[in-house]
Amino acid sequence: MKTLMAFFFILYSSSLFAQFPQASVTDINVKLRADKITAEYNKHLGLNGIQIPLFKNKIAHYLVLADEIKKNNEGREELNALVEMQANESLAMNDILTLYQYRLYKKLKPEIQPLKMVE
């Protein structure tokens, strides 16, 4: 009986600490932009049912980071931070995509998610 109660307690408490990536981004505009970007990539990458929500959540997360960088920085500093952030985003996509998809993603990224130029 104690074992059964302990099992249910652990099962219940572990769900309290679970991470729900879709709950981390609440701004509807960010979600819409992430949907649009994911759809554009999906045309070329052929994401499967498991990859699509992971990809979309990762895009949304980095859109929030990009918005914060743009709000808090200007000029060359902003560009450097965005370049570093996009490099981290690309590395994170390596965990979601197959090797072929990842190589294609890296080729498509400058077209789909371009960085602005600093003069």
C-alpha atoms as a PDB file:
ATOM      1  CA  MET A   1       0.000   0.000   0.000  1.00  0.00           C
ATOM      2  CA  LYS A   2       2.829   2.417   0.868  1.00  0.00           C
ATOM      3  CA  THR A   3       4.526   1.556  -2.394  1.00  0.00           C
ATOM      4  CA  LEU A   4       1.373   2.268  -4.356  1.00  0.00           C
ATOM      5  CA  MET A   5       0.838   5.598  -2.572  1.00  0.00           C
ATOM      6  CA  ALA A   6       4.481   6.551  -3.134  1.00  0.00           C
ATOM      7  CA  PHE A   7       4.173   5.674  -6.825  1.00  0.00           C
ATOM      8  CA  PHE A   8       1.100   7.896  -7.267  1.00  0.00           C
ATOM      9  CA  PHE A   9       2.744  10.727  -5.329  1.00  0.00           C
ATOM     10  CA  ILE A  10       5.834  10.595  -7.549  1.00  0.00           C
ATOM     11  CA  LEU A  11       3.711  10.361 -10.680  1.00  0.00           C
ATOM     12  CA  TYR A  12       1.617  13.358  -9.649  1.00  0.00           C
ATOM     13  CA  SER A  13       4.521  15.499  -8.455  1.00  0.00           C
ATOM     14  CA  SER A  14       6.605  14.842 -11.567  1.00  0.00           C
ATOM     15  CA  SER A  15       3.829  16.231 -13.756  1.00  0.00           C
ATOM     16  CA  LEU A  16       3.876  19.451 -11.724  1.00  0.00           C
ATOM     17  CA  PHE A  17       7.500  20.049 -12.696  1.00  0.00           C
ATOM     18  CA  ALA A  18       7.104  19.135 -16.359  1.00  0.00           C
ATOM     19  CA  GLN A  19       7.913  21.796 -18.906  1.00  0.00           C
ATOM     20  CA  PHE A  20       5.268  22.758 -21.404  1.00  0.00           C
ATOM     21  CA  PRO A  21       7.037  24.657 -24.204  1.00  0.00           C
ATOM     22  CA  GLN A  22       3.818  25.886 -25.795  1.00  0.00           C
ATOM     23  CA  ALA A  23       2.898  27.564 -22.512  1.00  0.00           C
ATOM     24  CA  SER A  24       6.103  29.603 -22.433  1.00  0.00           C
ATOM     25  CA  VAL A  25       5.089  31.929 -25.298  1.00  0.00           C
ATOM     26  CA  THR A  26       1.842  33.741 -24.619  1.00  0.00           C
ATOM     27  CA  ASP A  27       1.926  36.612 -27.138  1.00  0.00           C
ATOM     28  CA  ILE A  28      -0.478  35.806 -29.980  1.00  0.00           C
ATOM     29  CA  ASN A  29       1.571  37.864 -32.457  1.00  0.00           C
ATOM     30  CA  VAL A  30       4.664  35.766 -31.736  1.00  0.00           C
ATOM     31  CA  LYS A  31       2.637  32.588 -32.183  1.00  0.00           C
ATOM     32  CA  LEU A  32       1.275  33.819 -35.514  1.00  0.00           C
ATOM     33  CA  ARG A  33       4.755  34.771 -36.734  1.00  0.00           C
ATOM     34  CA  ALA A  34       6.079  31.374 -35.599  1.00  0.00           C
ATOM     35  CA  ASP A  35       3.235  29.632 -37.474  1.00  0.00           C
ATOM     36  CA  LYS A  36       4.041  31.588 -40.633  1.00  0.00           C
ATOM     37  CA  ILE A  37       7.786  30.893 -40.430  1.00  0.00           C
ATOM     38  CA  THR A  38       7.222  27.204 -39.652  1.00  0.00           C
ATOM     39  CA  ALA A  39       4.840  26.872 -42.606  1.00  0.00           C
ATOM     40  CA  GLU A  40       7.410  28.462 -44.906  1.00  0.00           C
ATOM     41  CA  TYR A  41      10.156  26.101 -43.731  1.00  0.00           C
ATOM     42  CA  ASN A  42       7.775  23.134 -43.908  1.00  0.00           C
ATOM     43  CA  LYS A  43       7.228  23.754 -47.638  1.00  0.00           C
ATOM     44  CA  HIS A  44      10.894  22.945 -48.184  1.00  0.00           C
ATOM     45  CA  LEU A  45      11.828  20.656 -45.291  1.00  0.00           C
ATOM     46  CA  GLY A  46       8.832  18.307 -45.156  1.00  0.00           C
ATOM     47  CA  LEU A  47       8.595  18.245 -41.371  1.00  0.00           C
ATOM     48  CA  ASN A  48       6.823  15.262 -39.825  1.00  0.00           C
ATOM     49  CA  GLY A  49       4.084  15.365 -37.180  1.00  0.00           C
ATOM     50  CA  ILE A  50       6.528  15.247 -34.277  1.00  0.00           C
ATOM     51  CA  GLN A  51       8.881  17.872 -35.684  1.00  0.00           C
ATOM     52  CA  ILE A  52       6.281  20.543 -36.428  1.00  0.00           C
ATOM     53  CA  PRO A  53       5.330  21.487 -32.828  1.00  0.00           C
ATOM     54  CA  LEU A  54       8.955  21.235 -31.672  1.00  0.00           C
ATOM     55  CA  PHE A  55      10.123  23.399 -34.552  1.00  0.00           C
ATOM     56  CA  LYS A  56       7.327  25.930 -34.012  1.00  0.00           C
ATOM     57  CA  ASN A  57       8.029  26.206 -30.276  1.00  0.00           C
ATOM     58  CA  LYS A  58      11.733  26.702 -30.919  1.00  0.00           C
ATOM     59  CA  ILE A  59      11.001  29.405 -33.517  1.00  0.00           C
ATOM     60  CA  ALA A  60       8.602  31.154 -31.101  1.00  0.00           C
ATOM     61  CA  HIS A  61      11.181  31.040 -28.307  1.00  0.00           C
ATOM     62  CA  TYR A  62      13.821  32.648 -30.499  1.00  0.00           C
ATOM     63  CA  LEU A  63      11.364  35.234 -31.837  1.00  0.00           C
ATOM     64  CA  VAL A  64      10.802  36.379 -28.255  1.00  0.00           C
ATOM     65  CA  LEU A  65      14.571  36.558 -27.718  1.00  0.00           C
ATOM     66  CA  ALA A  66      15.023  38.510 -30.967  1.00  0.00           C
ATOM     67  CA  ASP A  67      12.329  40.992 -29.944  1.00  0.00           C
ATOM     68  CA  GLU A  68      14.076  41.524 -26.591  1.00  0.00           C
ATOM     69  CA  ILE A  69      17.422  42.037 -28.314  1.00  0.00           C
ATOM     70  CA  LYS A  70      15.892  44.568 -30.727  1.00  0.00           C
ATOM     71  CA  LYS A  71      14.245  46.418 -27.850  1.00  0.00           C
ATOM     72  CA  ASN A  72      17.379  46.579 -25.678  1.00  0.00           C
ATOM     73  CA  ASN A  73      20.142  47.157 -28.265  1.00  0.00           C
ATOM     74  CA  GLU A  74      20.914  49.362 -31.241  1.00  0.00           C
ATOM     75  CA  GLY A  75      23.202  49.337 -34.251  1.00  0.00           C
ATOM     76  CA  ARG A  76      26.228  47.060 -34.330  1.00  0.00           C
ATOM     77  CA  GLU A  77      25.513  45.728 -30.824  1.00  0.00           C
ATOM     78  CA  GLU A  78      22.036  44.653 -31.899  1.00  0.00           C
ATOM     79  CA  LEU A  79      23.360  42.958 -35.035  1.00  0.00           C
ATOM     80  CA  ASN A  80      26.059  41.075 -33.103  1.00  0.00           C
ATOM     81  CA  ALA A  81      23.518  39.866 -30.555  1.00  0.00           C
ATOM     82  CA  LEU A  82      21.112  38.772 -33.302  1.00  0.00           C
ATOM     83  CA  VAL A  83      23.861  36.908 -35.167  1.00  0.00           C
ATOM     84  CA  GLU A  84      24.809  35.071 -31.981  1.00  0.00           C
ATOM     85  CA  MET A  85      21.157  34.326 -31.231  1.00  0.00           C
ATOM     86  CA  GLN A  86      20.586  32.954 -34.751  1.00  0.00           C
ATOM     87  CA  ALA A  87      23.661  30.734 -34.413  1.00  0.00           C
ATOM     88  CA  ASN A  88      22.217  29.331 -31.188  1.00  0.00           C
ATOM     89  CA  GLU A  89      18.851  28.853 -32.898  1.00  0.00           C
ATOM     90  CA  SER A  90      20.488  26.910 -35.718  1.00  0.00           C
ATOM     91  CA  LEU A  91      22.296  24.685 -33.233  1.00  0.00           C
ATOM     92  CA  ALA A  92      19.021  24.038 -31.417  1.00  0.00           C
ATOM     93  CA  MET A  93      17.351  23.033 -34.683  1.00  0.00           C
ATOM     94  CA  ASN A  94      20.032  20.379 -35.145  1.00  0.00           C
ATOM     95  CA  ASP A  95      18.312  18.404 -32.364  1.00  0.00           C
ATOM     96  CA  ILE A  96      14.934  18.530 -34.142  1.00  0.00           C
ATOM     97  CA  LEU A  97      15.810  18.055 -37.800  1.00  0.00           C
ATOM     98  CA  THR A  98      17.410  15.196 -39.701  1.00  0.00           C
ATOM     99  CA  LEU A  99      20.840  15.818 -41.214  1.00  0.00           C
ATOM    100  CA  TYR A 100      19.388  16.465 -44.673  1.00  0.00           C
ATOM    101  CA  GLN A 101      16.713  18.789 -43.262  1.00  0.00           C
ATOM    102  CA  TYR A 102      19.287  20.626 -41.142  1.00  0.00           C
ATOM    103  CA  ARG A 103      21.562  21.297 -44.114  1.00  0.00           C
ATOM    104  CA  LEU A 104      18.600  22.583 -46.128  1.00  0.00           C
ATOM    105  CA  TYR A 105      17.417  24.660 -43.134  1.00  0.00           C
ATOM    106  CA  LYS A 106      20.793  26.395 -42.941  1.00  0.00           C
ATOM    107  CA  LYS A 107      20.616  27.236 -46.657  1.00  0.00           C
ATOM    108  CA  LEU A 108      17.042  28.555 -46.383  1.00  0.00           C
ATOM    109  CA  LYS A 109      17.475  30.521 -43.166  1.00  0.00           C
ATOM    110  CA  PRO A 110      18.956  33.711 -44.743  1.00  0.00           C
ATOM    111  CA  GLU A 111      15.982  33.867 -47.126  1.00  0.00           C
ATOM    112  CA  ILE A 112      13.233  33.080 -44.615  1.00  0.00           C
ATOM    113  CA  GLN A 113      14.717  34.794 -41.531  1.00  0.00           C
ATOM    114  CA  PRO A 114      17.055  37.513 -42.850  1.00  0.00           C
ATOM    115  CA  LEU A 115      18.985  39.854 -40.587  1.00  0.00           C
ATOM    116  CA  LYS A 116      18.788  43.576 -41.201  1.00  0.00           C
ATOM    117  CA  MET A 117      21.911  45.328 -42.363  1.00  0.00           C
ATOM    118  CA  VAL A 118      23.724  47.903 -40.199  1.00  0.00           C
ATOM    119  CA  GLU A 119      25.213  50.894 -42.001  1.00  0.00           C
END
